[in-house]
């Protein structure tokens, strides 16, 4: 038999995401993540010494930027299929000082 706590939380989450309310919740999450990404980039640009960086394309103002293009070099992926890989705009990957996009 299923674990009823998991079933109940899944049903609740599905109800919360139904209709315009779910769309607004999702868009608000994306907007907050983008603001956070931009703030980290701003602070990193202003920093005289070390600061965090964000693993992302340069321009994050369009929906198309989340698609990983095989011809782009910023992501470091080689030999990947076109139109199959996307970044999740809500999940932010921070590069810590001393690390770069290659590791």
PDB file of N, CA and C in Angstrom:
ATOM      1  N   UNK A   1       0.845  -1.187   0.000  1.00  0.00           N
ATOM      2  CA  UNK A   1       0.000   0.000   0.000  1.00  0.00           C
ATOM      3  C   UNK A   1       0.887   1.246   0.000  1.00  0.00           C
ATOM      4  N   UNK A   2       0.409   2.343  -0.566  1.00  0.00           N
ATOM      5  CA  UNK A   2       1.220   3.565  -0.634  1.00  0.00           C
ATOM      6  C   UNK A   2       1.379   4.212   0.737  1.00  0.00           C
ATOM      7  N   UNK A   3       2.417   4.982   0.853  1.00  0.00           N
ATOM      8  CA  UNK A   3       2.638   5.760   2.068  1.00  0.00           C
ATOM      9  C   UNK A   3       1.703   6.972   1.960  1.00  0.00           C
ATOM     10  N   UNK A   4       0.708   7.046   2.826  1.00  0.00           N
ATOM     11  CA  UNK A   4      -0.358   8.031   2.684  1.00  0.00           C
ATOM     12  C   UNK A   4       0.117   9.469   2.851  1.00  0.00           C
ATOM     13  N   UNK A   5       1.181   9.682   3.597  1.00  0.00           N
ATOM     14  CA  UNK A   5       1.727  11.035   3.726  1.00  0.00           C
ATOM     15  C   UNK A   5       2.233  11.559   2.393  1.00  0.00           C
ATOM     16  N   UNK A   6       2.875  10.688   1.625  1.00  0.00           N
ATOM     17  CA  UNK A   6       3.371  11.078   0.303  1.00  0.00           C
ATOM     18  C   UNK A   6       2.204  11.341  -0.645  1.00  0.00           C
ATOM     19  N   UNK A   7       1.213  10.474  -0.625  1.00  0.00           N
ATOM     20  CA  UNK A   7       0.042  10.653  -1.488  1.00  0.00           C
ATOM     21  C   UNK A   7      -0.665  11.963  -1.152  1.00  0.00           C
ATOM     22  N   UNK A   8      -0.849  12.245   0.126  1.00  0.00           N
ATOM     23  CA  UNK A   8      -1.535  13.469   0.540  1.00  0.00           C
ATOM     24  C   UNK A   8      -0.752  14.707   0.120  1.00  0.00           C
ATOM     25  N   UNK A   9       0.568  14.698   0.290  1.00  0.00           N
ATOM     26  CA  UNK A   9       1.357  15.873  -0.082  1.00  0.00           C
ATOM     27  C   UNK A   9       1.381  16.063  -1.594  1.00  0.00           C
ATOM     28  N   UNK A  10       1.392  14.973  -2.348  1.00  0.00           N
ATOM     29  CA  UNK A  10       1.350  15.065  -3.808  1.00  0.00           C
ATOM     30  C   UNK A  10       0.016  15.636  -4.274  1.00  0.00           C
ATOM     31  N   UNK A  11      -1.064  15.184  -3.681  1.00  0.00           N
ATOM     32  CA  UNK A  11      -2.392  15.699  -4.032  1.00  0.00           C
ATOM     33  C   UNK A  11      -2.517  17.175  -3.678  1.00  0.00           C
ATOM     34  N   UNK A  12      -1.987  17.568  -2.527  1.00  0.00           N
ATOM     35  CA  UNK A  12      -2.028  18.968  -2.112  1.00  0.00           C
ATOM     36  C   UNK A  12      -1.223  19.831  -3.071  1.00  0.00           C
ATOM     37  N   UNK A  13      -0.020  19.386  -3.428  1.00  0.00           N
ATOM     38  CA  UNK A  13       0.822  20.142  -4.360  1.00  0.00           C
ATOM     39  C   UNK A  13       0.139  20.275  -5.720  1.00  0.00           C
ATOM     40  N   UNK A  14      -0.482  19.211  -6.196  1.00  0.00           N
ATOM     41  CA  UNK A  14      -1.182  19.265  -7.482  1.00  0.00           C
ATOM     42  C   UNK A  14      -2.333  20.266  -7.434  1.00  0.00           C
ATOM     43  N   UNK A  15      -3.064  20.299  -6.328  1.00  0.00           N
ATOM     44  CA  UNK A  15      -4.168  21.248  -6.185  1.00  0.00           C
ATOM     45  C   UNK A  15      -3.655  22.685  -6.146  1.00  0.00           C
ATOM     46  N   UNK A  16      -2.523  22.909  -5.481  1.00  0.00           N
ATOM     47  CA  UNK A  16      -1.946  24.257  -5.400  1.00  0.00           C
ATOM     48  C   UNK A  16      -1.499  24.764  -6.773  1.00  0.00           C
ATOM     49  N   UNK A  17      -1.066  23.865  -7.634  1.00  0.00           N
ATOM     50  CA  UNK A  17      -0.532  24.261  -8.935  1.00  0.00           C
ATOM     51  C   UNK A  17      -1.610  24.344 -10.020  1.00  0.00           C
ATOM     52  N   UNK A  18      -2.828  24.015  -9.702  1.00  0.00           N
ATOM     53  CA  UNK A  18      -3.916  24.005 -10.683  1.00  0.00           C
ATOM     54  C   UNK A  18      -4.309  25.441 -11.056  1.00  0.00           C
ATOM     55  N   UNK A  19      -4.504  25.687 -12.332  1.00  0.00           N
ATOM     56  CA  UNK A  19      -5.037  26.967 -12.808  1.00  0.00           C
ATOM     57  C   UNK A  19      -4.053  28.118 -12.721  1.00  0.00           C
ATOM     58  N   UNK A  20      -4.611  29.330 -12.672  1.00  0.00           N
ATOM     59  CA  UNK A  20      -3.791  30.545 -12.657  1.00  0.00           C
ATOM     60  C   UNK A  20      -2.955  30.675 -11.394  1.00  0.00           C
ATOM     61  N   UNK A  21      -3.426  30.141 -10.284  1.00  0.00           N
ATOM     62  CA  UNK A  21      -2.660  30.206  -9.038  1.00  0.00           C
ATOM     63  C   UNK A  21      -1.331  29.488  -9.195  1.00  0.00           C
ATOM     64  N   UNK A  22      -1.348  28.321  -9.786  1.00  0.00           N
ATOM     65  CA  UNK A  22      -0.116  27.565 -10.009  1.00  0.00           C
ATOM     66  C   UNK A  22       0.825  28.280 -10.952  1.00  0.00           C
ATOM     67  N   UNK A  23       0.264  28.863 -12.011  1.00  0.00           N
ATOM     68  CA  UNK A  23       1.097  29.621 -12.955  1.00  0.00           C
ATOM     69  C   UNK A  23       1.764  30.798 -12.255  1.00  0.00           C
ATOM     70  N   UNK A  24       1.007  31.492 -11.400  1.00  0.00           N
ATOM     71  CA  UNK A  24       1.572  32.638 -10.673  1.00  0.00           C
ATOM     72  C   UNK A  24       2.649  32.180  -9.694  1.00  0.00           C
ATOM     73  N   UNK A  25       2.406  31.104  -8.970  1.00  0.00           N
ATOM     74  CA  UNK A  25       3.422  30.584  -8.049  1.00  0.00           C
ATOM     75  C   UNK A  25       4.713  30.230  -8.786  1.00  0.00           C
ATOM     76  N   UNK A  26       4.580  29.584  -9.927  1.00  0.00           N
ATOM     77  CA  UNK A  26       5.753  29.189 -10.698  1.00  0.00           C
ATOM     78  C   UNK A  26       6.482  30.414 -11.247  1.00  0.00           C
ATOM     79  N   UNK A  27       5.736  31.374 -11.797  1.00  0.00           N
ATOM     80  CA  UNK A  27       6.372  32.572 -12.344  1.00  0.00           C
ATOM     81  C   UNK A  27       7.053  33.374 -11.243  1.00  0.00           C
ATOM     82  N   UNK A  28       6.433  33.481 -10.077  1.00  0.00           N
ATOM     83  CA  UNK A  28       7.062  34.180  -8.949  1.00  0.00           C
ATOM     84  C   UNK A  28       8.367  33.504  -8.549  1.00  0.00           C
ATOM     85  N   UNK A  29       8.392  32.186  -8.551  1.00  0.00           N
ATOM     86  CA  UNK A  29       9.619  31.453  -8.214  1.00  0.00           C
ATOM     87  C   UNK A  29      10.718  31.731  -9.229  1.00  0.00           C
ATOM     88  N   UNK A  30      10.366  31.719 -10.502  1.00  0.00           N
ATOM     89  CA  UNK A  30      11.347  32.004 -11.555  1.00  0.00           C
ATOM     90  C   UNK A  30      11.855  33.433 -11.433  1.00  0.00           C
ATOM     91  N   UNK A  31      10.952  34.390 -11.218  1.00  0.00           N
ATOM     92  CA  UNK A  31      11.351  35.798 -11.092  1.00  0.00           C
ATOM     93  C   UNK A  31      12.301  36.009  -9.917  1.00  0.00           C
ATOM     94  N   UNK A  32      12.025  35.374  -8.797  1.00  0.00           N
ATOM     95  CA  UNK A  32      12.906  35.508  -7.629  1.00  0.00           C
ATOM     96  C   UNK A  32      14.277  34.900  -7.890  1.00  0.00           C
ATOM     97  N   UNK A  33      14.301  33.760  -8.545  1.00  0.00           N
ATOM     98  CA  UNK A  33      15.584  33.124  -8.857  1.00  0.00           C
ATOM     99  C   UNK A  33      16.401  33.990  -9.813  1.00  0.00           C
ATOM    100  N   UNK A  34      15.751  34.606 -10.790  1.00  0.00           N
ATOM    101  CA  UNK A  34      16.460  35.474 -11.731  1.00  0.00           C
ATOM    102  C   UNK A  34      16.987  36.708 -11.015  1.00  0.00           C
ATOM    103  N   UNK A  35      16.193  37.290 -10.125  1.00  0.00           N
ATOM    104  CA  UNK A  35      16.682  38.441  -9.343  1.00  0.00           C
ATOM    105  C   UNK A  35      17.892  38.041  -8.510  1.00  0.00           C
ATOM    106  N   UNK A  36      17.847  36.870  -7.882  1.00  0.00           N
ATOM    107  CA  UNK A  36      18.975  36.378  -7.089  1.00  0.00           C
ATOM    108  C   UNK A  36      20.209  36.201  -7.970  1.00  0.00           C
ATOM    109  N   UNK A  37      20.032  35.589  -9.146  1.00  0.00           N
ATOM    110  CA  UNK A  37      21.145  35.395 -10.075  1.00  0.00           C
ATOM    111  C   UNK A  37      21.781  36.733 -10.453  1.00  0.00           C
ATOM    112  N   UNK A  38      20.942  37.716 -10.775  1.00  0.00           N
ATOM    113  CA  UNK A  38      21.449  39.036 -11.172  1.00  0.00           C
ATOM    114  C   UNK A  38      22.164  39.729 -10.011  1.00  0.00           C
ATOM    115  N   UNK A  39      21.648  39.569  -8.817  1.00  0.00           N
ATOM    116  CA  UNK A  39      22.290  40.182  -7.649  1.00  0.00           C
ATOM    117  C   UNK A  39      23.661  39.563  -7.389  1.00  0.00           C
ATOM    118  N   UNK A  40      23.783  38.260  -7.510  1.00  0.00           N
ATOM    119  CA  UNK A  40      25.090  37.608  -7.342  1.00  0.00           C
ATOM    120  C   UNK A  40      26.064  38.121  -8.398  1.00  0.00           C
ATOM    121  N   UNK A  41      25.627  38.228  -9.653  1.00  0.00           N
ATOM    122  CA  UNK A  41      26.495  38.739 -10.720  1.00  0.00           C
ATOM    123  C   UNK A  41      26.903  40.184 -10.448  1.00  0.00           C
ATOM    124  N   UNK A  42      25.979  40.998  -9.938  1.00  0.00           N
ATOM    125  CA  UNK A  42      26.297  42.394  -9.626  1.00  0.00           C
ATOM    126  C   UNK A  42      27.340  42.468  -8.519  1.00  0.00           C
ATOM    127  N   UNK A  43      27.141  41.714  -7.458  1.00  0.00           N
ATOM    128  CA  UNK A  43      28.088  41.716  -6.347  1.00  0.00           C
ATOM    129  C   UNK A  43      29.449  41.178  -6.775  1.00  0.00           C
ATOM    130  N   UNK A  44      29.458  40.173  -7.630  1.00  0.00           N
ATOM    131  CA  UNK A  44      30.715  39.612  -8.122  1.00  0.00           C
ATOM    132  C   UNK A  44      31.466  40.643  -8.958  1.00  0.00           C
ATOM    133  N   UNK A  45      30.741  41.412  -9.780  1.00  0.00           N
ATOM    134  CA  UNK A  45      31.370  42.448 -10.611  1.00  0.00           C
ATOM    135  C   UNK A  45      31.931  43.579  -9.756  1.00  0.00           C
ATOM    136  N   UNK A  46      31.292  43.891  -8.642  1.00  0.00           N
ATOM    137  CA  UNK A  46      31.743  44.969  -7.758  1.00  0.00           C
ATOM    138  C   UNK A  46      32.850  44.537  -6.804  1.00  0.00           C
ATOM    139  N   UNK A  47      33.067  43.254  -6.670  1.00  0.00           N
ATOM    140  CA  UNK A  47      34.027  42.734  -5.699  1.00  0.00           C
ATOM    141  C   UNK A  47      35.458  43.003  -6.141  1.00  0.00           C
ATOM    142  N   UNK A  48      36.284  43.457  -5.185  1.00  0.00           N
ATOM    143  CA  UNK A  48      37.702  43.686  -5.462  1.00  0.00           C
ATOM    144  C   UNK A  48      38.520  42.416  -5.276  1.00  0.00           C
ATOM    145  N   UNK A  49      37.995  41.488  -4.525  1.00  0.00           N
ATOM    146  CA  UNK A  49      38.732  40.243  -4.305  1.00  0.00           C
ATOM    147  C   UNK A  49      37.865  39.080  -4.775  1.00  0.00           C
ATOM    148  N   UNK A  50      37.627  38.124  -3.936  1.00  0.00           N
ATOM    149  CA  UNK A  50      36.848  36.958  -4.344  1.00  0.00           C
ATOM    150  C   UNK A  50      35.371  37.183  -4.071  1.00  0.00           C
ATOM    151  N   UNK A  51      34.567  36.510  -4.835  1.00  0.00           N
ATOM    152  CA  UNK A  51      33.138  36.437  -4.563  1.00  0.00           C
ATOM    153  C   UNK A  51      32.579  35.267  -5.361  1.00  0.00           C
ATOM    154  N   UNK A  52      31.393  34.873  -5.057  1.00  0.00           N
ATOM    155  CA  UNK A  52      30.730  33.793  -5.774  1.00  0.00           C
ATOM    156  C   UNK A  52      30.410  34.230  -7.200  1.00  0.00           C
ATOM    157  N   UNK A  53      30.223  33.259  -8.068  1.00  0.00           N
ATOM    158  CA  UNK A  53      29.761  33.509  -9.425  1.00  0.00           C
ATOM    159  C   UNK A  53      28.601  32.549  -9.680  1.00  0.00           C
ATOM    160  N   UNK A  54      27.904  32.755 -10.763  1.00  0.00           N
ATOM    161  CA  UNK A  54      26.759  31.913 -11.096  1.00  0.00           C
ATOM    162  C   UNK A  54      27.042  31.194 -12.409  1.00  0.00           C
ATOM    163  N   UNK A  55      26.764  29.893 -12.441  1.00  0.00           N
ATOM    164  CA  UNK A  55      26.930  29.095 -13.653  1.00  0.00           C
ATOM    165  C   UNK A  55      25.678  29.278 -14.494  1.00  0.00           C
ATOM    166  N   UNK A  56      25.798  30.131 -15.521  1.00  0.00           N
ATOM    167  CA  UNK A  56      24.655  30.475 -16.356  1.00  0.00           C
ATOM    168  C   UNK A  56      25.145  31.197 -17.600  1.00  0.00           C
ATOM    169  N   UNK A  57      24.280  31.340 -18.614  1.00  0.00           N
ATOM    170  CA  UNK A  57      24.661  32.142 -19.771  1.00  0.00           C
ATOM    171  C   UNK A  57      24.762  33.615 -19.384  1.00  0.00           C
ATOM    172  N   UNK A  58      25.414  34.396 -20.228  1.00  0.00           N
ATOM    173  CA  UNK A  58      25.594  35.823 -19.933  1.00  0.00           C
ATOM    174  C   UNK A  58      24.264  36.558 -19.817  1.00  0.00           C
ATOM    175  N   UNK A  59      23.382  36.360 -20.777  1.00  0.00           N
ATOM    176  CA  UNK A  59      22.112  37.069 -20.800  1.00  0.00           C
ATOM    177  C   UNK A  59      21.005  36.123 -20.342  1.00  0.00           C
ATOM    178  N   UNK A  60      20.371  36.447 -19.226  1.00  0.00           N
ATOM    179  CA  UNK A  60      19.303  35.579 -18.700  1.00  0.00           C
ATOM    180  C   UNK A  60      17.939  36.270 -18.746  1.00  0.00           C
ATOM    181  N   UNK A  61      17.789  37.218 -19.676  1.00  0.00           N
ATOM    182  CA  UNK A  61      16.545  37.982 -19.755  1.00  0.00           C
ATOM    183  C   UNK A  61      15.513  37.399 -20.713  1.00  0.00           C
ATOM    184  N   UNK A  62      15.854  36.329 -21.405  1.00  0.00           N
ATOM    185  CA  UNK A  62      14.892  35.725 -22.325  1.00  0.00           C
ATOM    186  C   UNK A  62      14.675  34.256 -21.955  1.00  0.00           C
ATOM    187  N   UNK A  63      13.531  33.754 -22.290  1.00  0.00           N
ATOM    188  CA  UNK A  63      13.214  32.352 -22.015  1.00  0.00           C
ATOM    189  C   UNK A  63      14.151  31.415 -22.766  1.00  0.00           C
ATOM    190  N   UNK A  64      14.583  31.818 -23.949  1.00  0.00           N
ATOM    191  CA  UNK A  64      15.438  30.973 -24.782  1.00  0.00           C
ATOM    192  C   UNK A  64      16.802  30.715 -24.152  1.00  0.00           C
ATOM    193  N   UNK A  65      17.221  31.535 -23.212  1.00  0.00           N
ATOM    194  CA  UNK A  65      18.564  31.391 -22.638  1.00  0.00           C
ATOM    195  C   UNK A  65      18.730  30.097 -21.848  1.00  0.00           C
ATOM    196  N   UNK A  66      17.653  29.473 -21.418  1.00  0.00           N
ATOM    197  CA  UNK A  66      17.759  28.272 -20.580  1.00  0.00           C
ATOM    198  C   UNK A  66      18.038  27.006 -21.389  1.00  0.00           C
ATOM    199  N   UNK A  67      17.934  27.097 -22.704  1.00  0.00           N
ATOM    200  CA  UNK A  67      18.268  25.963 -23.573  1.00  0.00           C
ATOM    201  C   UNK A  67      19.785  25.900 -23.707  1.00  0.00           C
ATOM    202  N   UNK A  68      20.363  24.724 -23.483  1.00  0.00           N
ATOM    203  CA  UNK A  68      21.802  24.558 -23.657  1.00  0.00           C
ATOM    204  C   UNK A  68      22.085  24.308 -25.133  1.00  0.00           C
ATOM    205  N   UNK A  69      22.761  25.259 -25.744  1.00  0.00           N
ATOM    206  CA  UNK A  69      23.088  25.182 -27.166  1.00  0.00           C
ATOM    207  C   UNK A  69      24.445  24.506 -27.327  1.00  0.00           C
ATOM    208  N   UNK A  70      24.542  23.477 -28.157  1.00  0.00           N
ATOM    209  CA  UNK A  70      25.822  22.781 -28.336  1.00  0.00           C
ATOM    210  C   UNK A  70      26.949  23.689 -28.823  1.00  0.00           C
ATOM    211  N   UNK A  71      26.620  24.788 -29.514  1.00  0.00           N
ATOM    212  CA  UNK A  71      27.661  25.685 -30.021  1.00  0.00           C
ATOM    213  C   UNK A  71      28.173  26.665 -28.969  1.00  0.00           C
ATOM    214  N   UNK A  72      27.474  26.816 -27.852  1.00  0.00           N
ATOM    215  CA  UNK A  72      27.940  27.695 -26.768  1.00  0.00           C
ATOM    216  C   UNK A  72      29.051  27.009 -25.986  1.00  0.00           C
ATOM    217  N   UNK A  73      29.982  27.802 -25.486  1.00  0.00           N
ATOM    218  CA  UNK A  73      31.096  27.227 -24.722  1.00  0.00           C
ATOM    219  C   UNK A  73      30.969  27.438 -23.220  1.00  0.00           C
ATOM    220  N   UNK A  74      30.072  28.313 -22.767  1.00  0.00           N
ATOM    221  CA  UNK A  74      30.016  28.660 -21.347  1.00  0.00           C
ATOM    222  C   UNK A  74      29.687  27.458 -20.467  1.00  0.00           C
ATOM    223  N   UNK A  75      28.891  26.511 -20.959  1.00  0.00           N
ATOM    224  CA  UNK A  75      28.437  25.405 -20.109  1.00  0.00           C
ATOM    225  C   UNK A  75      29.436  24.257 -20.023  1.00  0.00           C
ATOM    226  N   UNK A  76      30.354  24.153 -20.983  1.00  0.00           N
ATOM    227  CA  UNK A  76      31.389  23.124 -20.925  1.00  0.00           C
ATOM    228  C   UNK A  76      30.981  21.746 -21.408  1.00  0.00           C
ATOM    229  N   UNK A  77      29.730  21.573 -21.840  1.00  0.00           N
ATOM    230  CA  UNK A  77      29.290  20.269 -22.339  1.00  0.00           C
ATOM    231  C   UNK A  77      29.682  20.123 -23.804  1.00  0.00           C
ATOM    232  N   UNK A  78      30.260  18.996 -24.128  1.00  0.00           N
ATOM    233  CA  UNK A  78      30.653  18.713 -25.505  1.00  0.00           C
ATOM    234  C   UNK A  78      29.843  17.521 -26.011  1.00  0.00           C
ATOM    235  N   UNK A  79      29.690  17.436 -27.312  1.00  0.00           N
ATOM    236  CA  UNK A  79      29.002  16.307 -27.958  1.00  0.00           C
ATOM    237  C   UNK A  79      27.598  16.069 -27.408  1.00  0.00           C
ATOM    238  N   UNK A  80      26.831  17.123 -27.252  1.00  0.00           N
ATOM    239  CA  UNK A  80      25.463  16.967 -26.763  1.00  0.00           C
ATOM    240  C   UNK A  80      24.469  17.177 -27.898  1.00  0.00           C
ATOM    241  N   UNK A  81      23.311  16.575 -27.765  1.00  0.00           N
ATOM    242  CA  UNK A  81      22.254  16.727 -28.759  1.00  0.00           C
ATOM    243  C   UNK A  81      21.634  18.112 -28.661  1.00  0.00           C
ATOM    244  N   UNK A  82      21.159  18.588 -29.785  1.00  0.00           N
ATOM    245  CA  UNK A  82      20.472  19.871 -29.825  1.00  0.00           C
ATOM    246  C   UNK A  82      19.025  19.692 -29.347  1.00  0.00           C
ATOM    247  N   UNK A  83      18.496  20.705 -28.672  1.00  0.00           N
ATOM    248  CA  UNK A  83      17.094  20.743 -28.214  1.00  0.00           C
ATOM    249  C   UNK A  83      16.729  19.672 -27.193  1.00  0.00           C
ATOM    250  N   UNK A  84      17.694  19.225 -26.409  1.00  0.00           N
ATOM    251  CA  UNK A  84      17.377  18.200 -25.411  1.00  0.00           C
ATOM    252  C   UNK A  84      17.757  18.607 -23.991  1.00  0.00           C
ATOM    253  N   UNK A  85      18.584  19.622 -23.838  1.00  0.00           N
ATOM    254  CA  UNK A  85      19.067  19.965 -22.502  1.00  0.00           C
ATOM    255  C   UNK A  85      18.721  21.414 -22.171  1.00  0.00           C
ATOM    256  N   UNK A  86      18.177  21.598 -20.983  1.00  0.00           N
ATOM    257  CA  UNK A  86      17.784  22.920 -20.518  1.00  0.00           C
ATOM    258  C   UNK A  86      18.235  23.095 -19.073  1.00  0.00           C
ATOM    259  N   UNK A  87      18.524  24.342 -18.707  1.00  0.00           N
ATOM    260  CA  UNK A  87      18.752  24.665 -17.304  1.00  0.00           C
ATOM    261  C   UNK A  87      17.403  24.912 -16.649  1.00  0.00           C
ATOM    262  N   UNK A  88      17.290  24.558 -15.400  1.00  0.00           N
ATOM    263  CA  UNK A  88      16.111  24.894 -14.615  1.00  0.00           C
ATOM    264  C   UNK A  88      16.380  26.281 -14.038  1.00  0.00           C
ATOM    265  N   UNK A  89      15.633  27.312 -14.442  1.00  0.00           N
ATOM    266  CA  UNK A  89      15.933  28.669 -13.971  1.00  0.00           C
ATOM    267  C   UNK A  89      15.789  28.836 -12.461  1.00  0.00           C
ATOM    268  N   UNK A  90      15.049  27.949 -11.816  1.00  0.00           N
ATOM    269  CA  UNK A  90      14.855  28.065 -10.370  1.00  0.00           C
ATOM    270  C   UNK A  90      16.050  27.509  -9.600  1.00  0.00           C
ATOM    271  N   UNK A  91      16.743  26.539 -10.168  1.00  0.00           N
ATOM    272  CA  UNK A  91      17.904  25.936  -9.505  1.00  0.00           C
ATOM    273  C   UNK A  91      19.152  26.719  -9.882  1.00  0.00           C
ATOM    274  N   UNK A  92      19.755  27.353  -8.904  1.00  0.00           N
ATOM    275  CA  UNK A  92      20.913  28.212  -9.133  1.00  0.00           C
ATOM    276  C   UNK A  92      22.173  27.467  -8.711  1.00  0.00           C
ATOM    277  N   UNK A  93      23.138  27.375  -9.615  1.00  0.00           N
ATOM    278  CA  UNK A  93      24.422  26.752  -9.304  1.00  0.00           C
ATOM    279  C   UNK A  93      25.437  27.853  -9.053  1.00  0.00           C
ATOM    280  N   UNK A  94      25.954  27.906  -7.830  1.00  0.00           N
ATOM    281  CA  UNK A  94      26.963  28.903  -7.476  1.00  0.00           C
ATOM    282  C   UNK A  94      28.352  28.316  -7.647  1.00  0.00           C
ATOM    283  N   UNK A  95      29.223  29.105  -8.258  1.00  0.00           N
ATOM    284  CA  UNK A  95      30.634  28.748  -8.347  1.00  0.00           C
ATOM    285  C   UNK A  95      31.330  29.423  -7.176  1.00  0.00           C
ATOM    286  N   UNK A  96      31.975  28.643  -6.351  1.00  0.00           N
ATOM    287  CA  UNK A  96      32.636  29.197  -5.178  1.00  0.00           C
ATOM    288  C   UNK A  96      33.999  29.750  -5.559  1.00  0.00           C
ATOM    289  N   UNK A  97      34.525  30.690  -4.778  1.00  0.00           N
ATOM    290  CA  UNK A  97      35.839  31.254  -5.067  1.00  0.00           C
ATOM    291  C   UNK A  97      36.890  30.149  -5.193  1.00  0.00           C
ATOM    292  N   UNK A  98      37.747  30.291  -6.198  1.00  0.00           N
ATOM    293  CA  UNK A  98      38.756  29.284  -6.461  1.00  0.00           C
ATOM    294  C   UNK A  98      38.313  28.258  -7.480  1.00  0.00           C
ATOM    295  N   UNK A  99      37.035  28.267  -7.812  1.00  0.00           N
ATOM    296  CA  UNK A  99      36.495  27.345  -8.823  1.00  0.00           C
ATOM    297  C   UNK A  99      36.145  28.159 -10.064  1.00  0.00           C
ATOM    298  N   UNK A 100      36.196  27.497 -11.199  1.00  0.00           N
ATOM    299  CA  UNK A 100      35.706  28.124 -12.414  1.00  0.00           C
ATOM    300  C   UNK A 100      34.766  27.151 -13.108  1.00  0.00           C
ATOM    301  N   UNK A 101      34.337  27.495 -14.298  1.00  0.00           N
ATOM    302  CA  UNK A 101      33.348  26.667 -14.984  1.00  0.00           C
ATOM    303  C   UNK A 101      33.897  25.307 -15.380  1.00  0.00           C
ATOM    304  N   UNK A 102      35.213  25.178 -15.420  1.00  0.00           N
ATOM    305  CA  UNK A 102      35.828  23.893 -15.753  1.00  0.00           C
ATOM    306  C   UNK A 102      36.102  23.039 -14.515  1.00  0.00           C
ATOM    307  N   UNK A 103      35.961  23.602 -13.346  1.00  0.00           N
ATOM    308  CA  UNK A 103      36.187  22.832 -12.120  1.00  0.00           C
ATOM    309  C   UNK A 103      37.122  23.460 -11.142  1.00  0.00           C
TER     310      UNK A 103
END
